[in-house]
Amino acid sequence: MKTKKKMTLKTLLSSTKINLAEAETILAFLLGKNREYIITHQQIELDRKVIKTYQKFVKKRQKHYPLAYLLGYREFYGEKIIVNKHVLVPRPETELMIDYLLQYLANNKNDKSYQFIDIGTGSGAIIVTLAKTLNKQLGQIYKNSNFLASDISQSALQVARKNIKNYNYENKIKLKKSNLLAQIPSTYLTSNKTLIITANLPYLSHKEAIGEPTIIKEPRLALSAGLNGARLYKRLFRQIKIKGIKGFLLLGEINPEQRKDILKLKNDILKDCSLSLEFLQDLSRRTRFFILKD
C-alpha cells in the first residue's frame, strides 16, 4: 500500500485486511479519538506516520498478535487495565468473578472485614477492579479489608504494579512473588479477617495451548497447566491442606470441561476437610467457575 499521498479514513478502512471493528479501534487509538469519531469522520485525511503505524499494527494482528498488546491495555469491568506480552489478556467472562464477589459480600453484610488474596494475578485485573468497585459500592468493607496479589512471574508483577499505581492503590494492594500460596506469609492466611482467594490460573492442556492460534502470542506460563490443565489447581488444593487454612472461600476460573477434574481433586486431596464445592456458569451457561468454601 503506497503512503506517499494522504488518504482518507474511508479509503484506508475499505482496504483493511482485519476485522473492521478492530481496524476502527486501532485508528481511534492512533488518532487519540473514540470509535464513534472514526465512524462519523470517514473523509478526514491521514498523514503518512499514522498510515505506516496502522499498517504495522495490521500486520501484527494478521499474525495473531493480541489487539490489547498493540494498544497497551484491555477494557475490564469498565476499567482500562495495562497489559503487555508478559501477562494474559483479561477475558470478558472473568468479569463474572467480580459480579459474584460483590453479590456475596452484599449478602454477608454482618462480616465487614476481609483478607482478599488474588493468586496468579497477572496484570492485576481482578484485584484492582475488585478494590476499585468495593471502594465505590461497599466502602466500609473496602476500608476494613486488606488486599494482596501474588504471581510466580516477576515480569507479571511489574505489570500488576503499574495497574495498582495507575489507580492509586499502592498503599492498599500489596504484591508478593509466590508459587500460588507457597510464599504467602501465614499472617495473611490465618488473620481474624475472613479469607477470600481468587484464582484465574492457567487451565489449558498443553495441546490446547499450542493448538489455538488466537492465543499463540500470549505467555505460555499463563495458559498451560499440564496434560488436563488442572495441574495448578491440584497444587493449590494440596497447599490449602498442608497449610491447614480455615474459614475461607476460594473462587476459581476453569475450563468448562474440567468440572469432573476439580471435583476429583477435592475428593482426593481435601476429603478429610469439611468443605463445600459448587460450580457457577458463564453467560453461555457453561461451567466456568468453582467455589470451594470452608
C-alpha atoms as a PDB file:
ATOM      1  CA  MET A   1       0.000   0.000   0.000  1.00  0.00           C
ATOM      2  CA  LYS A   2       1.515   3.365  -1.042  1.00  0.00           C
ATOM      3  CA  THR A   3       1.805   6.015   1.654  1.00  0.00           C
ATOM      4  CA  LYS A   4       3.320   8.928  -0.278  1.00  0.00           C
ATOM      5  CA  LYS A   5      -0.050  10.623  -0.653  1.00  0.00           C
ATOM      6  CA  LYS A   6      -2.526  11.256   2.100  1.00  0.00           C
ATOM      7  CA  MET A   7      -5.609   9.113   2.096  1.00  0.00           C
ATOM      8  CA  THR A   8      -8.929   9.282   3.853  1.00  0.00           C
ATOM      9  CA  LEU A   9     -10.124   7.114   6.699  1.00  0.00           C
ATOM     10  CA  LYS A  10     -12.721   5.623   4.388  1.00  0.00           C
ATOM     11  CA  THR A  11     -10.143   4.594   1.805  1.00  0.00           C
ATOM     12  CA  LEU A  12      -7.845   3.056   4.383  1.00  0.00           C
ATOM     13  CA  LEU A  13     -10.654   1.125   6.084  1.00  0.00           C
ATOM     14  CA  SER A  14     -12.037  -0.119   2.782  1.00  0.00           C
ATOM     15  CA  SER A  15      -8.772  -1.925   2.114  1.00  0.00           C
ATOM     16  CA  THR A  16      -8.257  -3.321   5.617  1.00  0.00           C
ATOM     17  CA  LYS A  17      -7.333  -6.987   5.973  1.00  0.00           C
ATOM     18  CA  ILE A  18      -8.532  -7.409   9.535  1.00  0.00           C
ATOM     19  CA  ASN A  19     -11.861  -7.206  11.364  1.00  0.00           C
ATOM     20  CA  LEU A  20     -13.425  -3.789  10.662  1.00  0.00           C
ATOM     21  CA  ALA A  21     -14.234  -3.097  14.309  1.00  0.00           C
ATOM     22  CA  GLU A  22     -10.628  -3.809  15.248  1.00  0.00           C
ATOM     23  CA  ALA A  23      -9.384  -1.606  12.400  1.00  0.00           C
ATOM     24  CA  GLU A  24     -11.557   1.241  13.675  1.00  0.00           C
ATOM     25  CA  THR A  25     -10.320   0.687  17.222  1.00  0.00           C
ATOM     26  CA  ILE A  26      -6.686   0.834  16.100  1.00  0.00           C
ATOM     27  CA  LEU A  27      -7.235   4.054  14.161  1.00  0.00           C
ATOM     28  CA  ALA A  28      -9.125   5.588  17.077  1.00  0.00           C
ATOM     29  CA  PHE A  29      -6.158   4.740  19.312  1.00  0.00           C
ATOM     30  CA  LEU A  30      -3.613   6.188  16.889  1.00  0.00           C
ATOM     31  CA  LEU A  31      -5.626   9.397  16.451  1.00  0.00           C
ATOM     32  CA  GLY A  32      -6.487   9.775  20.124  1.00  0.00           C
ATOM     33  CA  LYS A  33     -10.208   9.581  19.354  1.00  0.00           C
ATOM     34  CA  ASN A  34     -13.041   7.141  20.017  1.00  0.00           C
ATOM     35  CA  ARG A  35     -14.603   4.716  17.539  1.00  0.00           C
ATOM     36  CA  GLU A  36     -17.640   6.948  17.063  1.00  0.00           C
ATOM     37  CA  TYR A  37     -15.328   9.630  15.707  1.00  0.00           C
ATOM     38  CA  ILE A  38     -13.778   7.201  13.240  1.00  0.00           C
ATOM     39  CA  ILE A  39     -17.204   6.079  12.036  1.00  0.00           C
ATOM     40  CA  THR A  40     -18.549   9.621  11.591  1.00  0.00           C
ATOM     41  CA  HIS A  41     -15.442  11.254  10.123  1.00  0.00           C
ATOM     42  CA  GLN A  42     -14.636   8.942   7.241  1.00  0.00           C
ATOM     43  CA  GLN A  43     -13.473  11.746   4.933  1.00  0.00           C
ATOM     44  CA  ILE A  44     -10.642  13.111   7.067  1.00  0.00           C
ATOM     45  CA  GLU A  45      -7.175  12.692   5.618  1.00  0.00           C
ATOM     46  CA  LEU A  46      -4.443  10.782   7.432  1.00  0.00           C
ATOM     47  CA  ASP A  47      -0.768  11.654   7.475  1.00  0.00           C
ATOM     48  CA  ARG A  48       1.919   9.178   6.473  1.00  0.00           C
ATOM     49  CA  LYS A  49       3.043   8.431  10.020  1.00  0.00           C
ATOM     50  CA  VAL A  50      -0.430   7.296  11.100  1.00  0.00           C
ATOM     51  CA  ILE A  51      -0.843   5.163   7.986  1.00  0.00           C
ATOM     52  CA  LYS A  52       2.539   3.452   8.418  1.00  0.00           C
ATOM     53  CA  THR A  53       1.895   2.719  12.094  1.00  0.00           C
ATOM     54  CA  TYR A  54      -1.573   1.416  11.256  1.00  0.00           C
ATOM     55  CA  GLN A  55      -0.107  -0.911   8.635  1.00  0.00           C
ATOM     56  CA  LYS A  56       2.411  -2.278  11.179  1.00  0.00           C
ATOM     57  CA  PHE A  57      -0.422  -2.961  13.619  1.00  0.00           C
ATOM     58  CA  VAL A  58      -2.448  -4.729  10.946  1.00  0.00           C
ATOM     59  CA  LYS A  59       0.465  -6.993  10.035  1.00  0.00           C
ATOM     60  CA  LYS A  60       0.874  -7.976  13.672  1.00  0.00           C
ATOM     61  CA  ARG A  61      -2.851  -8.674  14.044  1.00  0.00           C
ATOM     62  CA  GLN A  62      -2.716 -10.923  10.990  1.00  0.00           C
ATOM     63  CA  LYS A  63      -0.081 -12.929  12.876  1.00  0.00           C
ATOM     64  CA  HIS A  64      -2.451 -13.226  15.880  1.00  0.00           C
ATOM     65  CA  TYR A  65      -0.705 -10.587  17.965  1.00  0.00           C
ATOM     66  CA  PRO A  66      -3.364  -9.591  20.562  1.00  0.00           C
ATOM     67  CA  LEU A  67      -5.062  -6.277  19.927  1.00  0.00           C
ATOM     68  CA  ALA A  68      -4.685  -5.483  23.630  1.00  0.00           C
ATOM     69  CA  TYR A  69      -0.894  -5.777  23.347  1.00  0.00           C
ATOM     70  CA  LEU A  70      -0.892  -3.348  20.432  1.00  0.00           C
ATOM     71  CA  LEU A  71      -2.979  -0.814  22.325  1.00  0.00           C
ATOM     72  CA  GLY A  72      -1.234  -1.459  25.640  1.00  0.00           C
ATOM     73  CA  TYR A  73      -4.458  -2.003  27.557  1.00  0.00           C
ATOM     74  CA  ARG A  74      -7.665  -4.019  27.771  1.00  0.00           C
ATOM     75  CA  GLU A  75     -11.077  -2.907  28.971  1.00  0.00           C
ATOM     76  CA  PHE A  76     -12.076  -4.956  32.017  1.00  0.00           C
ATOM     77  CA  TYR A  77     -15.199  -4.279  34.052  1.00  0.00           C
ATOM     78  CA  GLY A  78     -15.298  -0.753  32.658  1.00  0.00           C
ATOM     79  CA  GLU A  79     -11.683  -0.031  33.577  1.00  0.00           C
ATOM     80  CA  LYS A  80      -8.550   0.214  31.440  1.00  0.00           C
ATOM     81  CA  ILE A  81      -6.064  -2.435  32.504  1.00  0.00           C
ATOM     82  CA  ILE A  82      -2.478  -2.148  31.291  1.00  0.00           C
ATOM     83  CA  VAL A  83      -1.239  -5.312  29.573  1.00  0.00           C
ATOM     84  CA  ASN A  84       1.794  -6.479  27.643  1.00  0.00           C
ATOM     85  CA  LYS A  85       3.364  -9.701  26.400  1.00  0.00           C
ATOM     86  CA  HIS A  86       4.183 -10.826  29.951  1.00  0.00           C
ATOM     87  CA  VAL A  87       0.557 -11.241  31.062  1.00  0.00           C
ATOM     88  CA  LEU A  88      -2.603 -12.908  29.862  1.00  0.00           C
ATOM     89  CA  VAL A  89      -5.141 -10.586  28.279  1.00  0.00           C
ATOM     90  CA  PRO A  90      -8.141 -10.350  30.683  1.00  0.00           C
ATOM     91  CA  ARG A  91     -11.221 -12.104  29.271  1.00  0.00           C
ATOM     92  CA  PRO A  92     -14.816 -10.825  29.487  1.00  0.00           C
ATOM     93  CA  GLU A  93     -16.014 -13.980  31.277  1.00  0.00           C
ATOM     94  CA  THR A  94     -13.601 -13.289  34.142  1.00  0.00           C
ATOM     95  CA  GLU A  95     -15.628 -10.165  34.935  1.00  0.00           C
ATOM     96  CA  LEU A  96     -18.271 -12.529  36.342  1.00  0.00           C
ATOM     97  CA  MET A  97     -15.904 -13.207  39.252  1.00  0.00           C
ATOM     98  CA  ILE A  98     -16.289  -9.575  40.289  1.00  0.00           C
ATOM     99  CA  ASP A  99     -20.077  -9.820  39.957  1.00  0.00           C
ATOM    100  CA  TYR A 100     -20.196 -12.902  42.139  1.00  0.00           C
ATOM    101  CA  LEU A 101     -17.983 -11.442  44.865  1.00  0.00           C
ATOM    102  CA  LEU A 102     -19.936  -8.191  45.005  1.00  0.00           C
ATOM    103  CA  GLN A 103     -23.162 -10.140  45.414  1.00  0.00           C
ATOM    104  CA  TYR A 104     -21.619 -12.420  48.015  1.00  0.00           C
ATOM    105  CA  LEU A 105     -20.287  -9.510  50.053  1.00  0.00           C
ATOM    106  CA  ALA A 106     -23.579  -7.634  49.811  1.00  0.00           C
ATOM    107  CA  ASN A 107     -25.387 -10.735  51.119  1.00  0.00           C
ATOM    108  CA  ASN A 108     -22.995 -11.095  54.059  1.00  0.00           C
ATOM    109  CA  LYS A 109     -23.022  -7.557  55.430  1.00  0.00           C
ATOM    110  CA  ASN A 110     -22.517  -8.725  59.009  1.00  0.00           C
ATOM    111  CA  ASP A 111     -18.958  -9.596  58.057  1.00  0.00           C
ATOM    112  CA  LYS A 112     -17.194  -6.335  57.226  1.00  0.00           C
ATOM    113  CA  SER A 113     -13.567  -7.373  57.394  1.00  0.00           C
ATOM    114  CA  TYR A 114     -11.859  -9.465  54.688  1.00  0.00           C
ATOM    115  CA  GLN A 115      -8.450 -10.551  53.526  1.00  0.00           C
ATOM    116  CA  PHE A 116      -8.505 -10.736  49.730  1.00  0.00           C
ATOM    117  CA  ILE A 117      -5.750 -12.696  48.015  1.00  0.00           C
ATOM    118  CA  ASP A 118      -5.558 -12.933  44.222  1.00  0.00           C
ATOM    119  CA  ILE A 119      -3.133 -15.677  43.182  1.00  0.00           C
ATOM    120  CA  GLY A 120      -1.690 -15.824  39.685  1.00  0.00           C
ATOM    121  CA  THR A 121      -2.680 -12.172  39.435  1.00  0.00           C
ATOM    122  CA  GLY A 122      -1.034 -11.462  36.063  1.00  0.00           C
ATOM    123  CA  SER A 123      -1.964  -7.892  35.161  1.00  0.00           C
ATOM    124  CA  GLY A 124      -3.751  -7.458  38.479  1.00  0.00           C
ATOM    125  CA  ALA A 125      -7.082  -7.010  36.692  1.00  0.00           C
ATOM    126  CA  ILE A 126      -9.119  -8.924  39.288  1.00  0.00           C
ATOM    127  CA  ILE A 127      -7.653  -7.430  42.472  1.00  0.00           C
ATOM    128  CA  VAL A 128      -7.503  -3.856  41.151  1.00  0.00           C
ATOM    129  CA  THR A 129     -11.055  -3.974  39.804  1.00  0.00           C
ATOM    130  CA  LEU A 130     -12.348  -5.598  42.984  1.00  0.00           C
ATOM    131  CA  ALA A 131     -10.729  -2.943  45.185  1.00  0.00           C
ATOM    132  CA  LYS A 132     -11.975  -0.096  42.989  1.00  0.00           C
ATOM    133  CA  THR A 133     -15.522  -1.458  42.788  1.00  0.00           C
ATOM    134  CA  LEU A 134     -15.694  -2.172  46.520  1.00  0.00           C
ATOM    135  CA  ASN A 135     -14.487   1.345  47.216  1.00  0.00           C
ATOM    136  CA  LYS A 136     -17.419   2.651  45.168  1.00  0.00           C
ATOM    137  CA  GLN A 137     -20.178   0.277  46.262  1.00  0.00           C
ATOM    138  CA  LEU A 138     -19.249  -1.192  49.653  1.00  0.00           C
ATOM    139  CA  GLY A 139     -16.961   1.407  51.140  1.00  0.00           C
ATOM    140  CA  GLN A 140     -16.964   0.093  54.701  1.00  0.00           C
ATOM    141  CA  ILE A 141     -15.840  -3.352  53.592  1.00  0.00           C
ATOM    142  CA  TYR A 142     -13.141  -1.752  51.443  1.00  0.00           C
ATOM    143  CA  LYS A 143     -11.815   0.285  54.376  1.00  0.00           C
ATOM    144  CA  ASN A 144     -11.714  -2.683  56.753  1.00  0.00           C
ATOM    145  CA  SER A 145     -10.176  -5.153  54.303  1.00  0.00           C
ATOM    146  CA  ASN A 146      -6.668  -5.999  53.124  1.00  0.00           C
ATOM    147  CA  PHE A 147      -5.681  -6.860  49.554  1.00  0.00           C
ATOM    148  CA  LEU A 148      -2.776  -8.994  48.346  1.00  0.00           C
ATOM    149  CA  ALA A 149      -1.851 -10.068  44.811  1.00  0.00           C
ATOM    150  CA  SER A 150       0.718 -12.744  44.007  1.00  0.00           C
ATOM    151  CA  ASP A 151       2.314 -14.277  40.941  1.00  0.00           C
ATOM    152  CA  ILE A 152       5.246 -16.543  40.211  1.00  0.00           C
ATOM    153  CA  SER A 153       6.351 -14.269  37.358  1.00  0.00           C
ATOM    154  CA  GLN A 154       8.331 -11.168  38.290  1.00  0.00           C
ATOM    155  CA  SER A 155       7.537  -9.672  34.881  1.00  0.00           C
ATOM    156  CA  ALA A 156       3.821 -10.114  35.513  1.00  0.00           C
ATOM    157  CA  LEU A 157       4.145  -8.470  38.926  1.00  0.00           C
ATOM    158  CA  GLN A 158       5.719  -5.444  37.267  1.00  0.00           C
ATOM    159  CA  VAL A 159       2.624  -5.089  35.087  1.00  0.00           C
ATOM    160  CA  ALA A 160       0.346  -5.515  38.105  1.00  0.00           C
ATOM    161  CA  ARG A 161       2.339  -2.849  39.918  1.00  0.00           C
ATOM    162  CA  LYS A 162       1.712  -0.415  37.057  1.00  0.00           C
ATOM    163  CA  ASN A 163      -2.032  -1.013  37.265  1.00  0.00           C
ATOM    164  CA  ILE A 164      -2.025  -0.668  41.046  1.00  0.00           C
ATOM    165  CA  LYS A 165      -0.129   2.623  40.755  1.00  0.00           C
ATOM    166  CA  ASN A 166      -2.368   3.793  37.919  1.00  0.00           C
ATOM    167  CA  TYR A 167      -5.404   3.564  40.216  1.00  0.00           C
ATOM    168  CA  ASN A 168      -3.547   4.894  43.281  1.00  0.00           C
ATOM    169  CA  TYR A 169      -3.754   1.687  45.301  1.00  0.00           C
ATOM    170  CA  GLU A 170      -0.080   1.385  46.239  1.00  0.00           C
ATOM    171  CA  ASN A 171      -0.966   1.693  49.927  1.00  0.00           C
ATOM    172  CA  LYS A 172      -3.915  -0.700  49.696  1.00  0.00           C
ATOM    173  CA  ILE A 173      -2.849  -3.609  47.476  1.00  0.00           C
ATOM    174  CA  LYS A 174       0.332  -5.465  48.380  1.00  0.00           C
ATOM    175  CA  LEU A 175       2.315  -7.575  45.916  1.00  0.00           C
ATOM    176  CA  LYS A 176       4.149 -10.811  46.600  1.00  0.00           C
ATOM    177  CA  LYS A 177       6.117 -13.148  44.368  1.00  0.00           C
ATOM    178  CA  SER A 178       4.819 -16.598  45.177  1.00  0.00           C
ATOM    179  CA  ASN A 179       4.152 -20.015  43.708  1.00  0.00           C
ATOM    180  CA  LEU A 180       0.409 -19.924  44.424  1.00  0.00           C
ATOM    181  CA  LEU A 181       0.157 -19.795  48.250  1.00  0.00           C
ATOM    182  CA  ALA A 182       3.599 -21.262  48.950  1.00  0.00           C
ATOM    183  CA  GLN A 183       5.366 -17.991  49.824  1.00  0.00           C
ATOM    184  CA  ILE A 184       2.337 -16.151  51.222  1.00  0.00           C
ATOM    185  CA  PRO A 185       3.033 -15.290  54.906  1.00  0.00           C
ATOM    186  CA  SER A 186       0.856 -17.199  57.349  1.00  0.00           C
ATOM    187  CA  THR A 187      -0.364 -13.906  58.799  1.00  0.00           C
ATOM    188  CA  TYR A 188      -2.367 -13.372  55.606  1.00  0.00           C
ATOM    189  CA  LEU A 189      -3.883 -16.855  55.776  1.00  0.00           C
ATOM    190  CA  THR A 190      -4.743 -17.066  59.469  1.00  0.00           C
ATOM    191  CA  SER A 191      -5.744 -13.497  60.390  1.00  0.00           C
ATOM    192  CA  ASN A 192      -9.015 -12.622  62.080  1.00  0.00           C
ATOM    193  CA  LYS A 193     -10.344 -11.399  58.743  1.00  0.00           C
ATOM    194  CA  THR A 194     -12.437 -13.685  56.543  1.00  0.00           C
ATOM    195  CA  LEU A 195     -10.194 -15.012  53.774  1.00  0.00           C
ATOM    196  CA  ILE A 196     -11.326 -14.797  50.147  1.00  0.00           C
ATOM    197  CA  ILE A 197      -8.992 -16.201  47.493  1.00  0.00           C
ATOM    198  CA  THR A 198      -9.481 -15.551  43.782  1.00  0.00           C
ATOM    199  CA  ALA A 199      -7.648 -17.680  41.232  1.00  0.00           C
ATOM    200  CA  ASN A 200      -7.757 -17.392  37.465  1.00  0.00           C
ATOM    201  CA  LEU A 201      -4.923 -19.856  36.989  1.00  0.00           C
ATOM    202  CA  PRO A 202      -3.704 -21.358  33.718  1.00  0.00           C
ATOM    203  CA  TYR A 203      -6.199 -24.113  32.874  1.00  0.00           C
ATOM    204  CA  LEU A 204      -5.487 -25.202  29.322  1.00  0.00           C
ATOM    205  CA  SER A 205      -3.880 -28.510  28.494  1.00  0.00           C
ATOM    206  CA  HIS A 206      -0.573 -28.373  26.661  1.00  0.00           C
ATOM    207  CA  LYS A 207      -2.356 -29.482  23.480  1.00  0.00           C
ATOM    208  CA  GLU A 208      -4.960 -26.744  23.784  1.00  0.00           C
ATOM    209  CA  ALA A 209      -2.336 -24.077  24.486  1.00  0.00           C
ATOM    210  CA  ILE A 210      -0.323 -24.815  21.351  1.00  0.00           C
ATOM    211  CA  GLY A 211      -3.278 -25.601  19.098  1.00  0.00           C
ATOM    212  CA  GLU A 212      -5.240 -22.357  19.317  1.00  0.00           C
ATOM    213  CA  PRO A 213      -3.786 -19.648  17.017  1.00  0.00           C
ATOM    214  CA  THR A 214      -5.634 -16.769  18.714  1.00  0.00           C
ATOM    215  CA  ILE A 215      -3.609 -17.215  21.933  1.00  0.00           C
ATOM    216  CA  ILE A 216      -0.275 -18.248  20.477  1.00  0.00           C
ATOM    217  CA  LYS A 217       1.318 -14.854  21.248  1.00  0.00           C
ATOM    218  CA  GLU A 218       0.256 -14.855  24.902  1.00  0.00           C
ATOM    219  CA  PRO A 219       2.644 -16.172  27.594  1.00  0.00           C
ATOM    220  CA  ARG A 220       2.592 -19.974  27.807  1.00  0.00           C
ATOM    221  CA  LEU A 221       3.159 -19.743  31.566  1.00  0.00           C
ATOM    222  CA  ALA A 222      -0.248 -18.032  31.879  1.00  0.00           C
ATOM    223  CA  LEU A 223      -2.076 -20.574  29.711  1.00  0.00           C
ATOM    224  CA  SER A 224      -0.869 -24.149  30.033  1.00  0.00           C
ATOM    225  CA  ALA A 225      -1.185 -26.385  33.112  1.00  0.00           C
ATOM    226  CA  GLY A 226      -0.264 -29.948  32.281  1.00  0.00           C
ATOM    227  CA  LEU A 227      -1.981 -32.742  30.395  1.00  0.00           C
ATOM    228  CA  ASN A 228      -5.520 -31.966  31.562  1.00  0.00           C
ATOM    229  CA  GLY A 229      -4.980 -28.337  32.503  1.00  0.00           C
ATOM    230  CA  ALA A 230      -5.645 -28.921  36.220  1.00  0.00           C
ATOM    231  CA  ARG A 231      -2.069 -29.221  37.485  1.00  0.00           C
ATOM    232  CA  LEU A 232      -2.004 -25.856  39.246  1.00  0.00           C
ATOM    233  CA  TYR A 233      -5.348 -26.349  40.950  1.00  0.00           C
ATOM    234  CA  LYS A 234      -4.061 -29.714  42.175  1.00  0.00           C
ATOM    235  CA  ARG A 235      -1.047 -27.942  43.638  1.00  0.00           C
ATOM    236  CA  LEU A 236      -3.259 -25.245  45.170  1.00  0.00           C
ATOM    237  CA  PHE A 237      -5.544 -27.780  46.856  1.00  0.00           C
ATOM    238  CA  ARG A 238      -2.503 -29.506  48.342  1.00  0.00           C
ATOM    239  CA  GLN A 239      -1.219 -26.198  49.691  1.00  0.00           C
ATOM    240  CA  ILE A 240      -4.594 -25.486  51.299  1.00  0.00           C
ATOM    241  CA  LYS A 241      -4.434 -28.851  53.055  1.00  0.00           C
ATOM    242  CA  ILE A 242      -0.789 -28.576  54.128  1.00  0.00           C
ATOM    243  CA  LYS A 243      -1.216 -25.056  55.479  1.00  0.00           C
ATOM    244  CA  GLY A 244      -4.437 -26.031  57.237  1.00  0.00           C
ATOM    245  CA  ILE A 245      -6.285 -22.967  56.016  1.00  0.00           C
ATOM    246  CA  LYS A 246      -9.665 -22.485  57.694  1.00  0.00           C
ATOM    247  CA  GLY A 247     -12.652 -20.200  57.195  1.00  0.00           C
ATOM    248  CA  PHE A 248     -12.000 -19.326  53.570  1.00  0.00           C
ATOM    249  CA  LEU A 249     -13.750 -19.021  50.234  1.00  0.00           C
ATOM    250  CA  LEU A 250     -11.877 -19.866  47.038  1.00  0.00           C
ATOM    251  CA  LEU A 251     -13.306 -18.675  43.731  1.00  0.00           C
ATOM    252  CA  GLY A 252     -11.524 -20.177  40.726  1.00  0.00           C
ATOM    253  CA  GLU A 253     -11.982 -19.984  36.968  1.00  0.00           C
ATOM    254  CA  ILE A 254     -11.730 -23.206  34.960  1.00  0.00           C
ATOM    255  CA  ASN A 255     -12.230 -24.720  31.547  1.00  0.00           C
ATOM    256  CA  PRO A 256     -15.867 -25.946  31.237  1.00  0.00           C
ATOM    257  CA  GLU A 257     -14.568 -29.487  30.663  1.00  0.00           C
ATOM    258  CA  GLN A 258     -12.723 -29.525  33.995  1.00  0.00           C
ATOM    259  CA  ARG A 259     -15.716 -29.844  36.320  1.00  0.00           C
ATOM    260  CA  LYS A 260     -15.014 -33.556  36.941  1.00  0.00           C
ATOM    261  CA  ASP A 261     -11.310 -32.870  37.428  1.00  0.00           C
ATOM    262  CA  ILE A 262     -11.949 -30.249  40.120  1.00  0.00           C
ATOM    263  CA  LEU A 263     -14.474 -32.492  41.868  1.00  0.00           C
ATOM    264  CA  LYS A 264     -11.986 -35.371  41.863  1.00  0.00           C
ATOM    265  CA  LEU A 265      -9.212 -33.147  43.238  1.00  0.00           C
ATOM    266  CA  LYS A 266     -11.471 -32.022  46.060  1.00  0.00           C
ATOM    267  CA  ASN A 267     -12.500 -35.580  46.919  1.00  0.00           C
ATOM    268  CA  ASP A 268      -8.961 -36.946  46.689  1.00  0.00           C
ATOM    269  CA  ILE A 269      -6.917 -34.196  48.334  1.00  0.00           C
ATOM    270  CA  LEU A 270      -9.405 -32.489  50.642  1.00  0.00           C
ATOM    271  CA  LYS A 271     -11.597 -35.476  51.512  1.00  0.00           C
ATOM    272  CA  ASP A 272     -10.912 -35.077  55.229  1.00  0.00           C
ATOM    273  CA  CYS A 273     -11.886 -31.405  55.219  1.00  0.00           C
ATOM    274  CA  SER A 274     -15.448 -30.197  55.688  1.00  0.00           C
ATOM    275  CA  LEU A 275     -15.517 -28.113  52.521  1.00  0.00           C
ATOM    276  CA  SER A 276     -18.388 -27.390  50.179  1.00  0.00           C
ATOM    277  CA  LEU A 277     -17.903 -27.257  46.424  1.00  0.00           C
ATOM    278  CA  GLU A 278     -20.225 -25.708  43.879  1.00  0.00           C
ATOM    279  CA  PHE A 279     -19.925 -24.660  40.256  1.00  0.00           C
ATOM    280  CA  LEU A 280     -21.080 -21.496  38.501  1.00  0.00           C
ATOM    281  CA  GLN A 281     -21.916 -20.986  34.836  1.00  0.00           C
ATOM    282  CA  ASP A 282     -20.886 -18.194  32.497  1.00  0.00           C
ATOM    283  CA  LEU A 283     -23.277 -16.277  30.259  1.00  0.00           C
ATOM    284  CA  SER A 284     -23.192 -19.135  27.753  1.00  0.00           C
ATOM    285  CA  ARG A 285     -24.413 -21.488  30.507  1.00  0.00           C
ATOM    286  CA  ARG A 286     -21.143 -23.383  30.543  1.00  0.00           C
ATOM    287  CA  THR A 287     -19.391 -24.322  33.781  1.00  0.00           C
ATOM    288  CA  ARG A 288     -16.751 -21.635  34.187  1.00  0.00           C
ATOM    289  CA  PHE A 289     -16.088 -21.198  37.928  1.00  0.00           C
ATOM    290  CA  PHE A 290     -15.960 -23.224  41.111  1.00  0.00           C
ATOM    291  CA  ILE A 291     -16.401 -22.139  44.719  1.00  0.00           C
ATOM    292  CA  LEU A 292     -14.593 -24.067  47.431  1.00  0.00           C
ATOM    293  CA  LYS A 293     -15.750 -22.929  50.843  1.00  0.00           C
ATOM    294  CA  ASP A 294     -14.993 -23.819  54.429  1.00  0.00           C
END
